[in-house]
């Protein structure tokens, strides 16, 4: 579950810019093939990014994701519709 939350946070960070958008988070979540998204994460590296003492090391979390596979897990047309594009 932590991996899915981490991926969703990463997706929001990668897709949003400094502008403010009305976002349909349901559509945004539906735009992601969850199985492919999970497969894009190196589970061992992701675990190393999480610490009960220090919280999340966002650089390590970012590095745990295969960006090509993560990109392939998103239906961009559905994602765009979540932002009203």
N, C-alpha and C. Protein backbone atom coordinates (compact mmCIF):
# COMPACT_ATOMS: atom_id res chain seq x y z
N UNK A 1 0.82 -1.19 0.00
CA UNK A 1 0.00 0.00 0.00
C UNK A 1 0.87 1.26 0.00
N UNK A 2 2.00 1.20 0.75
CA UNK A 2 2.89 2.35 0.78
C UNK A 2 3.43 2.63 -0.61
N UNK A 3 3.69 1.55 -1.37
CA UNK A 3 4.22 1.72 -2.72
C UNK A 3 3.21 2.44 -3.60
N UNK A 4 1.94 2.07 -3.50
CA UNK A 4 0.91 2.72 -4.31
C UNK A 4 0.78 4.19 -3.94
N UNK A 5 0.85 4.50 -2.64
CA UNK A 5 0.78 5.90 -2.21
C UNK A 5 1.97 6.67 -2.73
N UNK A 6 3.14 6.04 -2.68
CA UNK A 6 4.36 6.66 -3.17
C UNK A 6 4.25 6.93 -4.67
N UNK A 7 3.73 5.96 -5.41
CA UNK A 7 3.57 6.13 -6.86
C UNK A 7 2.56 7.23 -7.18
N UNK A 8 1.46 7.27 -6.45
CA UNK A 8 0.45 8.29 -6.71
C UNK A 8 1.02 9.68 -6.43
N UNK A 9 1.79 9.80 -5.35
CA UNK A 9 2.43 11.09 -5.04
C UNK A 9 3.40 11.48 -6.13
N UNK A 10 4.17 10.51 -6.62
CA UNK A 10 5.12 10.79 -7.69
C UNK A 10 4.40 11.21 -8.96
N UNK A 11 3.29 10.54 -9.27
CA UNK A 11 2.51 10.89 -10.46
C UNK A 11 1.99 12.32 -10.37
N UNK A 12 1.48 12.68 -9.22
CA UNK A 12 0.98 14.04 -9.04
C UNK A 12 2.10 15.06 -9.19
N UNK A 13 3.26 14.74 -8.63
CA UNK A 13 4.40 15.65 -8.72
C UNK A 13 4.86 15.82 -10.16
N UNK A 14 4.89 14.72 -10.90
CA UNK A 14 5.37 14.77 -12.28
C UNK A 14 4.38 15.44 -13.22
N UNK A 15 3.09 15.34 -12.94
CA UNK A 15 2.10 15.86 -13.88
C UNK A 15 1.64 17.28 -13.58
N UNK A 16 1.82 17.73 -12.36
CA UNK A 16 1.35 19.07 -12.00
C UNK A 16 2.48 20.08 -12.13
N UNK A 17 2.15 21.26 -12.59
CA UNK A 17 3.13 22.34 -12.65
C UNK A 17 2.80 23.35 -11.57
N UNK A 18 3.39 24.52 -11.66
CA UNK A 18 3.16 25.56 -10.66
C UNK A 18 1.75 26.13 -10.75
N UNK A 19 1.05 25.89 -11.86
CA UNK A 19 -0.30 26.40 -12.01
C UNK A 19 -1.28 25.58 -11.19
N UNK A 20 -2.41 26.18 -10.89
CA UNK A 20 -3.44 25.49 -10.13
C UNK A 20 -4.49 24.96 -11.10
N UNK A 21 -4.83 23.69 -10.96
CA UNK A 21 -5.82 23.05 -11.82
C UNK A 21 -6.94 22.47 -10.96
N UNK A 22 -8.12 22.40 -11.54
CA UNK A 22 -9.20 21.64 -10.92
C UNK A 22 -8.97 20.20 -11.37
N UNK A 23 -8.62 19.34 -10.44
CA UNK A 23 -8.24 17.97 -10.77
C UNK A 23 -9.31 17.00 -10.29
N UNK A 24 -9.70 16.09 -11.18
CA UNK A 24 -10.59 15.00 -10.82
C UNK A 24 -9.68 13.83 -10.41
N UNK A 25 -9.46 13.68 -9.11
CA UNK A 25 -8.52 12.68 -8.63
C UNK A 25 -8.98 11.26 -8.92
N UNK A 26 -10.28 11.05 -9.01
CA UNK A 26 -10.80 9.73 -9.38
C UNK A 26 -10.36 9.35 -10.78
N UNK A 27 -10.52 10.29 -11.74
CA UNK A 27 -10.08 10.03 -13.12
C UNK A 27 -8.57 9.86 -13.18
N UNK A 28 -7.85 10.66 -12.39
CA UNK A 28 -6.40 10.56 -12.39
C UNK A 28 -5.96 9.19 -11.90
N UNK A 29 -6.58 8.70 -10.84
CA UNK A 29 -6.26 7.37 -10.32
C UNK A 29 -6.61 6.28 -11.34
N UNK A 30 -7.74 6.46 -12.03
CA UNK A 30 -8.16 5.48 -13.04
C UNK A 30 -7.25 5.46 -14.26
N UNK A 31 -6.48 6.51 -14.46
CA UNK A 31 -5.59 6.57 -15.62
C UNK A 31 -4.34 5.71 -15.45
N UNK A 32 -4.14 5.19 -14.25
CA UNK A 32 -2.95 4.39 -13.96
C UNK A 32 -3.29 2.91 -13.93
N UNK A 33 -2.53 2.11 -14.71
CA UNK A 33 -2.61 0.65 -14.63
C UNK A 33 -1.81 0.27 -13.38
N UNK A 34 -2.52 -0.04 -12.30
CA UNK A 34 -1.87 -0.25 -11.01
C UNK A 34 -0.85 -1.37 -11.04
N UNK A 35 -1.13 -2.45 -11.75
CA UNK A 35 -0.19 -3.57 -11.81
C UNK A 35 1.11 -3.13 -12.48
N UNK A 36 1.01 -2.42 -13.60
CA UNK A 36 2.21 -1.94 -14.28
C UNK A 36 2.96 -0.94 -13.41
N UNK A 37 2.23 -0.10 -12.69
CA UNK A 37 2.87 0.88 -11.82
C UNK A 37 3.66 0.20 -10.71
N UNK A 38 3.07 -0.82 -10.11
CA UNK A 38 3.77 -1.56 -9.05
C UNK A 38 5.01 -2.24 -9.62
N UNK A 39 4.89 -2.79 -10.82
CA UNK A 39 6.03 -3.46 -11.45
C UNK A 39 7.15 -2.49 -11.81
N UNK A 40 6.86 -1.21 -11.89
CA UNK A 40 7.88 -0.22 -12.24
C UNK A 40 8.76 0.16 -11.05
N UNK A 41 8.41 -0.33 -9.87
CA UNK A 41 9.16 0.03 -8.65
C UNK A 41 10.05 -1.12 -8.22
N UNK A 42 11.33 -0.81 -7.97
CA UNK A 42 12.26 -1.77 -7.37
C UNK A 42 11.90 -1.80 -5.88
N UNK A 43 11.27 -2.87 -5.45
CA UNK A 43 10.73 -2.96 -4.09
C UNK A 43 11.80 -2.79 -3.02
N UNK A 44 12.98 -3.35 -3.24
CA UNK A 44 14.05 -3.23 -2.24
C UNK A 44 14.51 -1.79 -2.10
N UNK A 45 14.68 -1.10 -3.23
CA UNK A 45 15.08 0.31 -3.16
C UNK A 45 13.99 1.16 -2.51
N UNK A 46 12.74 0.84 -2.80
CA UNK A 46 11.63 1.59 -2.21
C UNK A 46 11.61 1.40 -0.69
N UNK A 47 11.87 0.19 -0.23
CA UNK A 47 11.90 -0.07 1.22
C UNK A 47 13.02 0.72 1.87
N UNK A 48 14.16 0.85 1.18
CA UNK A 48 15.29 1.62 1.71
C UNK A 48 14.94 3.10 1.84
N UNK A 49 14.00 3.57 1.04
CA UNK A 49 13.61 4.98 1.07
C UNK A 49 12.72 5.32 2.26
N UNK A 50 12.15 4.30 2.89
CA UNK A 50 11.23 4.51 4.02
C UNK A 50 11.92 4.22 5.34
N UNK A 51 11.79 5.13 6.27
CA UNK A 51 12.40 4.96 7.58
C UNK A 51 11.44 5.46 8.64
N UNK A 52 11.21 4.64 9.66
CA UNK A 52 10.34 5.06 10.75
C UNK A 52 10.94 6.26 11.48
N UNK A 53 12.25 6.31 11.53
CA UNK A 53 12.94 7.39 12.23
C UNK A 53 13.00 8.67 11.40
N UNK A 54 13.40 8.54 10.14
CA UNK A 54 13.66 9.72 9.30
C UNK A 54 12.55 10.04 8.30
N UNK A 55 11.54 9.19 8.19
CA UNK A 55 10.48 9.41 7.22
C UNK A 55 10.88 8.91 5.84
N UNK A 56 10.54 9.66 4.80
CA UNK A 56 10.80 9.24 3.43
C UNK A 56 11.99 10.00 2.87
N UNK A 57 12.93 9.25 2.29
CA UNK A 57 14.02 9.85 1.53
C UNK A 57 13.51 9.93 0.09
N UNK A 58 13.05 11.11 -0.32
CA UNK A 58 12.39 11.26 -1.61
C UNK A 58 13.32 11.00 -2.78
N UNK A 59 14.60 11.26 -2.63
CA UNK A 59 15.55 10.98 -3.71
C UNK A 59 15.65 9.47 -3.93
N UNK A 60 15.77 8.71 -2.85
CA UNK A 60 15.82 7.25 -2.97
C UNK A 60 14.50 6.71 -3.53
N UNK A 61 13.39 7.28 -3.09
CA UNK A 61 12.09 6.85 -3.60
C UNK A 61 12.00 7.09 -5.09
N UNK A 62 12.44 8.25 -5.53
CA UNK A 62 12.45 8.60 -6.96
C UNK A 62 13.33 7.62 -7.74
N UNK A 63 14.49 7.32 -7.18
CA UNK A 63 15.42 6.42 -7.86
C UNK A 63 14.93 4.98 -7.90
N UNK A 64 13.97 4.62 -7.05
CA UNK A 64 13.46 3.25 -7.04
C UNK A 64 12.49 2.97 -8.18
N UNK A 65 12.09 4.01 -8.91
CA UNK A 65 11.11 3.87 -9.98
C UNK A 65 11.79 3.82 -11.34
N UNK A 66 11.45 2.80 -12.14
CA UNK A 66 11.88 2.73 -13.54
C UNK A 66 10.96 3.67 -14.30
N UNK A 67 11.51 4.81 -14.71
CA UNK A 67 10.68 5.87 -15.30
C UNK A 67 9.99 5.43 -16.58
N UNK A 68 10.65 4.61 -17.39
CA UNK A 68 10.03 4.13 -18.63
C UNK A 68 8.81 3.27 -18.35
N UNK A 69 8.95 2.34 -17.41
CA UNK A 69 7.83 1.48 -17.05
C UNK A 69 6.70 2.29 -16.40
N UNK A 70 7.08 3.24 -15.56
CA UNK A 70 6.06 4.07 -14.90
C UNK A 70 5.28 4.87 -15.93
N UNK A 71 5.98 5.41 -16.90
CA UNK A 71 5.32 6.19 -17.96
C UNK A 71 4.34 5.31 -18.73
N UNK A 72 4.76 4.07 -19.00
CA UNK A 72 3.90 3.15 -19.73
C UNK A 72 2.67 2.72 -18.93
N UNK A 73 2.69 2.94 -17.62
CA UNK A 73 1.55 2.54 -16.79
C UNK A 73 0.43 3.58 -16.79
N UNK A 74 0.66 4.73 -17.42
CA UNK A 74 -0.33 5.81 -17.41
C UNK A 74 -0.97 5.98 -18.78
N UNK A 75 -2.29 5.98 -18.82
CA UNK A 75 -3.04 6.30 -20.03
C UNK A 75 -3.13 7.82 -20.07
N UNK A 76 -2.30 8.44 -20.90
CA UNK A 76 -2.19 9.90 -20.90
C UNK A 76 -3.49 10.61 -21.28
N UNK A 77 -4.29 10.01 -22.14
CA UNK A 77 -5.56 10.65 -22.50
C UNK A 77 -6.48 10.74 -21.28
N UNK A 78 -6.54 9.65 -20.51
CA UNK A 78 -7.36 9.67 -19.29
C UNK A 78 -6.78 10.66 -18.28
N UNK A 79 -5.45 10.68 -18.16
CA UNK A 79 -4.81 11.60 -17.21
C UNK A 79 -5.09 13.05 -17.60
N UNK A 80 -4.99 13.34 -18.89
CA UNK A 80 -5.27 14.71 -19.35
C UNK A 80 -6.71 15.10 -19.05
N UNK A 81 -7.64 14.16 -19.22
CA UNK A 81 -9.04 14.48 -18.96
C UNK A 81 -9.28 14.78 -17.48
N UNK A 82 -8.44 14.23 -16.61
CA UNK A 82 -8.57 14.51 -15.18
C UNK A 82 -8.23 15.96 -14.86
N UNK A 83 -7.41 16.57 -15.72
CA UNK A 83 -7.02 17.97 -15.54
C UNK A 83 -7.87 18.90 -16.39
N UNK A 84 -8.80 18.35 -17.13
CA UNK A 84 -9.67 19.17 -17.97
C UNK A 84 -9.00 19.64 -19.24
N UNK A 85 -7.95 18.92 -19.66
CA UNK A 85 -7.27 19.29 -20.93
C UNK A 85 -8.01 18.73 -22.10
